[in-house]
Amino acid sequence: MGGSRFELRLANNDDRQVLVLSGDLDAHSAAELEAALREVPAGSSRIVLDMQHVDFIDSAGLGVIVAENRERGDGVVVLSKLNDRVAKVLEYAGLVGHLTIE
């Protein structure tokens, strides 16, 4: 298997940071998301992960999101525009009630 395709774009909106993700958020790309999240200032009131174009997410991708949510505090990391595939993975993983989803 070759590497997965993944793209990440940061859009700043005042004190709100929006990370637009697309492609496969997996063991190959989770480190890229983790690095981008480290660049978001600690004082940001919200970090929105736009997941509309995420085709696949595995436990490595989920792990980065859960760890960031735990570190920043509830309600700071927000998952937005979930497609059906990502929503089902979150549901199967039992994370729907533990993460902020818009």
C-alpha atoms as a PDB file:
ATOM      1  CA  MET A   1       0.000   0.000   0.000  1.00  0.00           C
ATOM      2  CA  GLY A   2       1.246   3.483  -0.834  1.00  0.00           C
ATOM      3  CA  GLY A   3       0.633   6.430   1.447  1.00  0.00           C
ATOM      4  CA  SER A   4      -2.850   7.775   1.817  1.00  0.00           C
ATOM      5  CA  ARG A   5      -3.939  11.051   0.296  1.00  0.00           C
ATOM      6  CA  PHE A   6      -4.699  13.785   2.790  1.00  0.00           C
ATOM      7  CA  GLU A   7      -4.931  17.553   2.610  1.00  0.00           C
ATOM      8  CA  LEU A   8      -5.270  20.101   5.363  1.00  0.00           C
ATOM      9  CA  ARG A   9      -5.940  23.822   5.026  1.00  0.00           C
ATOM     10  CA  LEU A  10      -6.036  26.338   7.887  1.00  0.00           C
ATOM     11  CA  ALA A  11      -8.453  29.274   7.818  1.00  0.00           C
ATOM     12  CA  ASN A  12      -8.331  31.828  10.636  1.00  0.00           C
ATOM     13  CA  ASN A  13     -11.577  33.439  11.779  1.00  0.00           C
ATOM     14  CA  ASP A  14     -10.857  35.849  14.663  1.00  0.00           C
ATOM     15  CA  ASP A  15     -10.375  33.651  17.743  1.00  0.00           C
ATOM     16  CA  ARG A  16     -11.723  30.628  15.893  1.00  0.00           C
ATOM     17  CA  GLN A  17      -9.441  28.401  13.849  1.00  0.00           C
ATOM     18  CA  VAL A  18     -10.899  26.285  11.044  1.00  0.00           C
ATOM     19  CA  LEU A  19      -8.986  23.289   9.737  1.00  0.00           C
ATOM     20  CA  VAL A  20     -10.482  21.990   6.501  1.00  0.00           C
ATOM     21  CA  LEU A  21      -9.573  18.322   6.120  1.00  0.00           C
ATOM     22  CA  SER A  22      -9.922  16.140   3.053  1.00  0.00           C
ATOM     23  CA  GLY A  23      -8.926  12.639   2.078  1.00  0.00           C
ATOM     24  CA  ASP A  24      -7.920   9.849   4.440  1.00  0.00           C
ATOM     25  CA  LEU A  25      -7.245  10.659   8.094  1.00  0.00           C
ATOM     26  CA  ASP A  26      -5.342   7.541   9.071  1.00  0.00           C
ATOM     27  CA  ALA A  27      -2.049   6.322  10.533  1.00  0.00           C
ATOM     28  CA  HIS A  28      -0.159   7.963   7.660  1.00  0.00           C
ATOM     29  CA  SER A  29      -1.753  11.411   8.008  1.00  0.00           C
ATOM     30  CA  ALA A  30      -2.614  11.673  11.723  1.00  0.00           C
ATOM     31  CA  ALA A  31       0.808  13.171  12.489  1.00  0.00           C
ATOM     32  CA  GLU A  32       0.134  15.965   9.982  1.00  0.00           C
ATOM     33  CA  LEU A  33      -3.129  16.840  11.761  1.00  0.00           C
ATOM     34  CA  GLU A  34      -1.407  16.646  15.134  1.00  0.00           C
ATOM     35  CA  ALA A  35       1.328  19.044  13.959  1.00  0.00           C
ATOM     36  CA  ALA A  36      -1.240  21.501  12.575  1.00  0.00           C
ATOM     37  CA  LEU A  37      -3.180  21.434  15.847  1.00  0.00           C
ATOM     38  CA  ARG A  38       0.020  22.223  17.777  1.00  0.00           C
ATOM     39  CA  GLU A  39       0.325  25.405  15.690  1.00  0.00           C
ATOM     40  CA  VAL A  40      -3.105  26.668  16.799  1.00  0.00           C
ATOM     41  CA  PRO A  41      -2.636  29.250  19.588  1.00  0.00           C
ATOM     42  CA  ALA A  42      -3.557  28.076  23.083  1.00  0.00           C
ATOM     43  CA  GLY A  43      -5.991  30.997  23.512  1.00  0.00           C
ATOM     44  CA  SER A  44      -8.208  29.994  20.605  1.00  0.00           C
ATOM     45  CA  SER A  45     -11.761  29.651  21.830  1.00  0.00           C
ATOM     46  CA  ARG A  46     -12.698  27.118  19.145  1.00  0.00           C
ATOM     47  CA  ILE A  47     -10.907  24.840  16.752  1.00  0.00           C
ATOM     48  CA  VAL A  48     -13.294  23.690  14.056  1.00  0.00           C
ATOM     49  CA  LEU A  49     -12.388  20.566  12.115  1.00  0.00           C
ATOM     50  CA  ASP A  50     -14.344  20.707   8.855  1.00  0.00           C
ATOM     51  CA  MET A  51     -14.717  17.000   8.035  1.00  0.00           C
ATOM     52  CA  GLN A  52     -16.984  17.258   4.997  1.00  0.00           C
ATOM     53  CA  HIS A  53     -14.382  15.882   2.598  1.00  0.00           C
ATOM     54  CA  VAL A  54     -12.817  13.230   4.830  1.00  0.00           C
ATOM     55  CA  ASP A  55     -13.204   9.940   2.979  1.00  0.00           C
ATOM     56  CA  PHE A  56     -11.843   7.660   5.695  1.00  0.00           C
ATOM     57  CA  ILE A  57     -10.877   7.943   9.363  1.00  0.00           C
ATOM     58  CA  ASP A  58      -9.266   5.267  11.519  1.00  0.00           C
ATOM     59  CA  SER A  59      -8.234   4.939  15.161  1.00  0.00           C
ATOM     60  CA  ALA A  60      -5.061   6.989  14.630  1.00  0.00           C
ATOM     61  CA  GLY A  61      -7.081   9.940  13.323  1.00  0.00           C
ATOM     62  CA  LEU A  62      -9.636   9.547  16.088  1.00  0.00           C
ATOM     63  CA  GLY A  63      -6.843   9.369  18.644  1.00  0.00           C
ATOM     64  CA  VAL A  64      -5.460  12.759  17.590  1.00  0.00           C
ATOM     65  CA  ILE A  65      -8.914  14.356  17.820  1.00  0.00           C
ATOM     66  CA  VAL A  66      -9.705  12.800  21.213  1.00  0.00           C
ATOM     67  CA  ALA A  67      -6.303  13.775  22.638  1.00  0.00           C
ATOM     68  CA  GLU A  68      -6.677  17.372  21.420  1.00  0.00           C
ATOM     69  CA  ASN A  69     -10.183  17.547  22.871  1.00  0.00           C
ATOM     70  CA  ARG A  70      -8.903  16.276  26.217  1.00  0.00           C
ATOM     71  CA  GLU A  71      -5.965  18.704  26.230  1.00  0.00           C
ATOM     72  CA  ARG A  72      -7.904  21.829  25.177  1.00  0.00           C
ATOM     73  CA  GLY A  73     -11.075  21.134  27.164  1.00  0.00           C
ATOM     74  CA  ASP A  74     -14.617  20.252  26.192  1.00  0.00           C
ATOM     75  CA  GLY A  75     -16.203  22.404  23.508  1.00  0.00           C
ATOM     76  CA  VAL A  76     -12.973  23.883  22.133  1.00  0.00           C
ATOM     77  CA  VAL A  77     -12.456  21.226  19.450  1.00  0.00           C
ATOM     78  CA  VAL A  78     -15.553  21.065  17.257  1.00  0.00           C
ATOM     79  CA  LEU A  79     -16.209  18.546  14.479  1.00  0.00           C
ATOM     80  CA  SER A  80     -18.182  20.143  11.674  1.00  0.00           C
ATOM     81  CA  LYS A  81     -19.902  18.980   8.497  1.00  0.00           C
ATOM     82  CA  LEU A  82     -19.550  15.268   9.182  1.00  0.00           C
ATOM     83  CA  ASN A  83     -20.373  13.074   6.226  1.00  0.00           C
ATOM     84  CA  ASP A  84     -22.131   9.745   6.769  1.00  0.00           C
ATOM     85  CA  ARG A  85     -18.915   7.686   6.722  1.00  0.00           C
ATOM     86  CA  VAL A  86     -17.221   9.727   9.449  1.00  0.00           C
ATOM     87  CA  ALA A  87     -20.420   9.986  11.504  1.00  0.00           C
ATOM     88  CA  LYS A  88     -20.782   6.192  11.511  1.00  0.00           C
ATOM     89  CA  VAL A  89     -17.169   5.681  12.643  1.00  0.00           C
ATOM     90  CA  LEU A  90     -17.691   8.145  15.516  1.00  0.00           C
ATOM     91  CA  GLU A  91     -20.908   6.354  16.445  1.00  0.00           C
ATOM     92  CA  TYR A  92     -19.300   2.898  16.343  1.00  0.00           C
ATOM     93  CA  ALA A  93     -16.373   4.178  18.428  1.00  0.00           C
ATOM     94  CA  GLY A  94     -18.780   5.530  21.052  1.00  0.00           C
ATOM     95  CA  LEU A  95     -17.507   9.108  20.672  1.00  0.00           C
ATOM     96  CA  VAL A  96     -20.701  10.897  19.628  1.00  0.00           C
ATOM     97  CA  GLY A  97     -21.589  11.992  23.157  1.00  0.00           C
ATOM     98  CA  HIS A  98     -17.984  12.821  24.068  1.00  0.00           C
ATOM     99  CA  LEU A  99     -17.032  15.201  21.245  1.00  0.00           C
ATOM    100  CA  THR A 100     -18.648  18.471  20.193  1.00  0.00           C
ATOM    101  CA  ILE A 101     -20.305  17.971  16.800  1.00  0.00           C
ATOM    102  CA  GLU A 102     -22.020  20.671  14.742  1.00  0.00           C
END
